[in-house]
Amino acid sequence: MLKIRRSQIDALAALSRRRLLTGAADHLRRVHPERWAAAADATLAAWVERRIGRGEQLGLVEEVSLLRHLEVASRLDERFADSPDALGVMHDLEALRSWPEPMALLERIHGSEAA
């Protein structure tokens, strides 16, 4: 019987999280260069981590939801991204899957088709 220790699960979860944070920061630099081109890497990384944490506080759990939440906050406004109107869309996974940018990023981060 294969046994997976909790430390192994935690290490895999941490790796996935780091990939998401790094990939999201790179993605924002590409899709919103007017906002992020001059920002220091540490500044953008801190913003991404804070916004993903905020998205999780608001009940977003799917990576695609968190990525779209970042895009909305980056492009439009953080307050709008946290609003009930925007969050209603973030919880509609079917609609989110039809937007290509976050899905393409997930495929790059995870190296396979995003589900």
C-alpha atoms as a PDB file:
ATOM      1  CA  MET A   1       0.000   0.000   0.000  1.00  0.00           C
ATOM      2  CA  LEU A   2       1.265   3.428  -0.962  1.00  0.00           C
ATOM      3  CA  LYS A   3       1.378   5.877   1.911  1.00  0.00           C
ATOM      4  CA  ILE A   4       1.702   9.594   1.380  1.00  0.00           C
ATOM      5  CA  ARG A   5       2.901  11.553   4.364  1.00  0.00           C
ATOM      6  CA  ARG A   6       1.308  14.857   5.279  1.00  0.00           C
ATOM      7  CA  SER A   7       4.646  16.591   4.685  1.00  0.00           C
ATOM      8  CA  GLN A   8       4.649  15.322   1.079  1.00  0.00           C
ATOM      9  CA  ILE A   9       1.123  16.635   0.489  1.00  0.00           C
ATOM     10  CA  ASP A  10       2.086  19.972   2.038  1.00  0.00           C
ATOM     11  CA  ALA A  11       5.194  20.198  -0.178  1.00  0.00           C
ATOM     12  CA  LEU A  12       3.135  19.563  -3.316  1.00  0.00           C
ATOM     13  CA  ALA A  13       0.549  22.152  -2.266  1.00  0.00           C
ATOM     14  CA  ALA A  14       3.301  24.717  -1.598  1.00  0.00           C
ATOM     15  CA  LEU A  15       4.850  24.037  -5.020  1.00  0.00           C
ATOM     16  CA  SER A  16       1.493  24.495  -6.711  1.00  0.00           C
ATOM     17  CA  ARG A  17       0.937  27.744  -4.826  1.00  0.00           C
ATOM     18  CA  ARG A  18       4.380  29.116  -5.809  1.00  0.00           C
ATOM     19  CA  ARG A  19       3.721  28.239  -9.453  1.00  0.00           C
ATOM     20  CA  LEU A  20       0.361  29.990  -9.326  1.00  0.00           C
ATOM     21  CA  LEU A  21       1.825  33.139  -7.749  1.00  0.00           C
ATOM     22  CA  THR A  22       4.779  33.311 -10.146  1.00  0.00           C
ATOM     23  CA  GLY A  23       2.687  32.512 -13.195  1.00  0.00           C
ATOM     24  CA  ALA A  24       0.041  35.057 -12.218  1.00  0.00           C
ATOM     25  CA  ALA A  25       2.620  37.820 -11.786  1.00  0.00           C
ATOM     26  CA  ASP A  26       4.168  37.057 -15.175  1.00  0.00           C
ATOM     27  CA  HIS A  27       0.708  36.959 -16.724  1.00  0.00           C
ATOM     28  CA  LEU A  28      -0.222  40.370 -15.310  1.00  0.00           C
ATOM     29  CA  ARG A  29       2.970  41.912 -16.686  1.00  0.00           C
ATOM     30  CA  ARG A  30       2.037  40.572 -20.119  1.00  0.00           C
ATOM     31  CA  VAL A  31      -1.665  41.471 -20.204  1.00  0.00           C
ATOM     32  CA  HIS A  32      -1.471  44.770 -18.268  1.00  0.00           C
ATOM     33  CA  PRO A  33       1.955  46.206 -19.104  1.00  0.00           C
ATOM     34  CA  GLU A  34       0.716  49.753 -18.611  1.00  0.00           C
ATOM     35  CA  ARG A  35       0.227  49.015 -14.914  1.00  0.00           C
ATOM     36  CA  TRP A  36       3.008  46.563 -14.091  1.00  0.00           C
ATOM     37  CA  ALA A  37       5.965  47.226 -16.439  1.00  0.00           C
ATOM     38  CA  ALA A  38       7.694  49.592 -14.033  1.00  0.00           C
ATOM     39  CA  ALA A  39       6.780  47.732 -10.839  1.00  0.00           C
ATOM     40  CA  ALA A  40       9.518  45.902  -8.984  1.00  0.00           C
ATOM     41  CA  ASP A  41       9.192  42.114  -8.932  1.00  0.00           C
ATOM     42  CA  ALA A  42       8.747  42.135  -5.152  1.00  0.00           C
ATOM     43  CA  THR A  43       5.992  44.746  -5.373  1.00  0.00           C
ATOM     44  CA  LEU A  44       4.021  42.774  -7.945  1.00  0.00           C
ATOM     45  CA  ALA A  45       4.587  39.486  -6.107  1.00  0.00           C
ATOM     46  CA  ALA A  46       3.273  40.996  -2.856  1.00  0.00           C
ATOM     47  CA  TRP A  47       0.231  42.429  -4.659  1.00  0.00           C
ATOM     48  CA  VAL A  48      -0.551  39.086  -6.314  1.00  0.00           C
ATOM     49  CA  GLU A  49      -0.215  37.199  -3.039  1.00  0.00           C
ATOM     50  CA  ARG A  50      -2.402  39.709  -1.202  1.00  0.00           C
ATOM     51  CA  ARG A  51      -5.080  39.684  -3.918  1.00  0.00           C
ATOM     52  CA  ILE A  52      -5.161  35.892  -4.109  1.00  0.00           C
ATOM     53  CA  GLY A  53      -5.544  35.813  -0.329  1.00  0.00           C
ATOM     54  CA  ARG A  54      -8.386  38.324  -0.615  1.00  0.00           C
ATOM     55  CA  GLY A  55     -10.057  36.226  -3.309  1.00  0.00           C
ATOM     56  CA  GLU A  56      -9.865  33.189  -1.046  1.00  0.00           C
ATOM     57  CA  GLN A  57     -11.419  35.203   1.797  1.00  0.00           C
ATOM     58  CA  LEU A  58     -14.265  36.021  -0.579  1.00  0.00           C
ATOM     59  CA  GLY A  59     -14.873  32.338  -1.234  1.00  0.00           C
ATOM     60  CA  LEU A  60     -12.988  31.854  -4.494  1.00  0.00           C
ATOM     61  CA  VAL A  61     -11.289  28.459  -4.514  1.00  0.00           C
ATOM     62  CA  GLU A  62     -10.771  27.514  -8.162  1.00  0.00           C
ATOM     63  CA  GLU A  63      -7.519  28.735  -9.702  1.00  0.00           C
ATOM     64  CA  VAL A  64      -9.360  30.081 -12.726  1.00  0.00           C
ATOM     65  CA  SER A  65     -11.593  32.148 -10.421  1.00  0.00           C
ATOM     66  CA  LEU A  66      -8.604  33.514  -8.546  1.00  0.00           C
ATOM     67  CA  LEU A  67      -6.794  34.399 -11.770  1.00  0.00           C
ATOM     68  CA  ARG A  68      -9.776  36.225 -13.230  1.00  0.00           C
ATOM     69  CA  HIS A  69     -10.181  38.016  -9.878  1.00  0.00           C
ATOM     70  CA  LEU A  70      -6.561  39.201 -10.221  1.00  0.00           C
ATOM     71  CA  GLU A  71      -7.143  40.378 -13.769  1.00  0.00           C
ATOM     72  CA  VAL A  72     -10.251  42.336 -12.809  1.00  0.00           C
ATOM     73  CA  ALA A  73      -8.498  43.920  -9.822  1.00  0.00           C
ATOM     74  CA  SER A  74      -5.485  44.807 -11.965  1.00  0.00           C
ATOM     75  CA  ARG A  75      -7.390  46.234 -14.892  1.00  0.00           C
ATOM     76  CA  LEU A  76     -10.447  47.816 -13.290  1.00  0.00           C
ATOM     77  CA  ASP A  77     -10.076  48.295  -9.546  1.00  0.00           C
ATOM     78  CA  GLU A  78      -9.631  46.239  -6.409  1.00  0.00           C
ATOM     79  CA  ARG A  79     -12.908  47.476  -4.947  1.00  0.00           C
ATOM     80  CA  PHE A  80     -14.787  46.434  -8.073  1.00  0.00           C
ATOM     81  CA  ALA A  81     -13.106  43.007  -8.034  1.00  0.00           C
ATOM     82  CA  ASP A  82     -14.384  42.539  -4.470  1.00  0.00           C
ATOM     83  CA  SER A  83     -17.910  43.728  -5.275  1.00  0.00           C
ATOM     84  CA  PRO A  84     -20.930  41.401  -5.302  1.00  0.00           C
ATOM     85  CA  ASP A  85     -21.409  42.022  -9.047  1.00  0.00           C
ATOM     86  CA  ALA A  86     -17.881  40.946  -9.930  1.00  0.00           C
ATOM     87  CA  LEU A  87     -17.892  38.044  -7.481  1.00  0.00           C
ATOM     88  CA  GLY A  88     -21.063  36.694  -9.043  1.00  0.00           C
ATOM     89  CA  VAL A  89     -19.129  36.223 -12.261  1.00  0.00           C
ATOM     90  CA  MET A  90     -16.097  34.784 -10.452  1.00  0.00           C
ATOM     91  CA  HIS A  91     -18.245  31.968  -9.074  1.00  0.00           C
ATOM     92  CA  ASP A  92     -19.590  31.046 -12.549  1.00  0.00           C
ATOM     93  CA  LEU A  93     -16.999  28.440 -13.521  1.00  0.00           C
ATOM     94  CA  GLU A  94     -18.612  27.696 -16.867  1.00  0.00           C
ATOM     95  CA  ALA A  95     -18.319  31.335 -17.936  1.00  0.00           C
ATOM     96  CA  LEU A  96     -14.767  31.566 -16.580  1.00  0.00           C
ATOM     97  CA  ARG A  97     -13.673  28.566 -18.611  1.00  0.00           C
ATOM     98  CA  SER A  98     -14.774  30.315 -21.796  1.00  0.00           C
ATOM     99  CA  TRP A  99     -12.295  33.185 -21.219  1.00  0.00           C
ATOM    100  CA  PRO A 100      -9.010  32.089 -22.785  1.00  0.00           C
ATOM    101  CA  GLU A 101      -6.390  34.062 -20.841  1.00  0.00           C
ATOM    102  CA  PRO A 102      -6.708  32.425 -17.414  1.00  0.00           C
ATOM    103  CA  MET A 103      -7.170  28.986 -18.966  1.00  0.00           C
ATOM    104  CA  ALA A 104      -4.017  29.376 -21.070  1.00  0.00           C
ATOM    105  CA  LEU A 105      -2.096  30.461 -17.984  1.00  0.00           C
ATOM    106  CA  LEU A 106      -3.301  27.438 -16.017  1.00  0.00           C
ATOM    107  CA  GLU A 107      -2.184  25.178 -18.836  1.00  0.00           C
ATOM    108  CA  ARG A 108       1.285  26.750 -18.795  1.00  0.00           C
ATOM    109  CA  ILE A 109       1.567  26.589 -15.010  1.00  0.00           C
ATOM    110  CA  HIS A 110       0.489  22.975 -14.734  1.00  0.00           C
ATOM    111  CA  GLY A 111       1.822  21.730 -18.042  1.00  0.00           C
ATOM    112  CA  SER A 112      -1.435  20.152 -19.163  1.00  0.00           C
ATOM    113  CA  GLU A 113      -5.028  20.934 -20.002  1.00  0.00           C
ATOM    114  CA  ALA A 114      -6.734  22.851 -17.200  1.00  0.00           C
ATOM    115  CA  ALA A 115      -9.915  21.282 -15.981  1.00  0.00           C
END
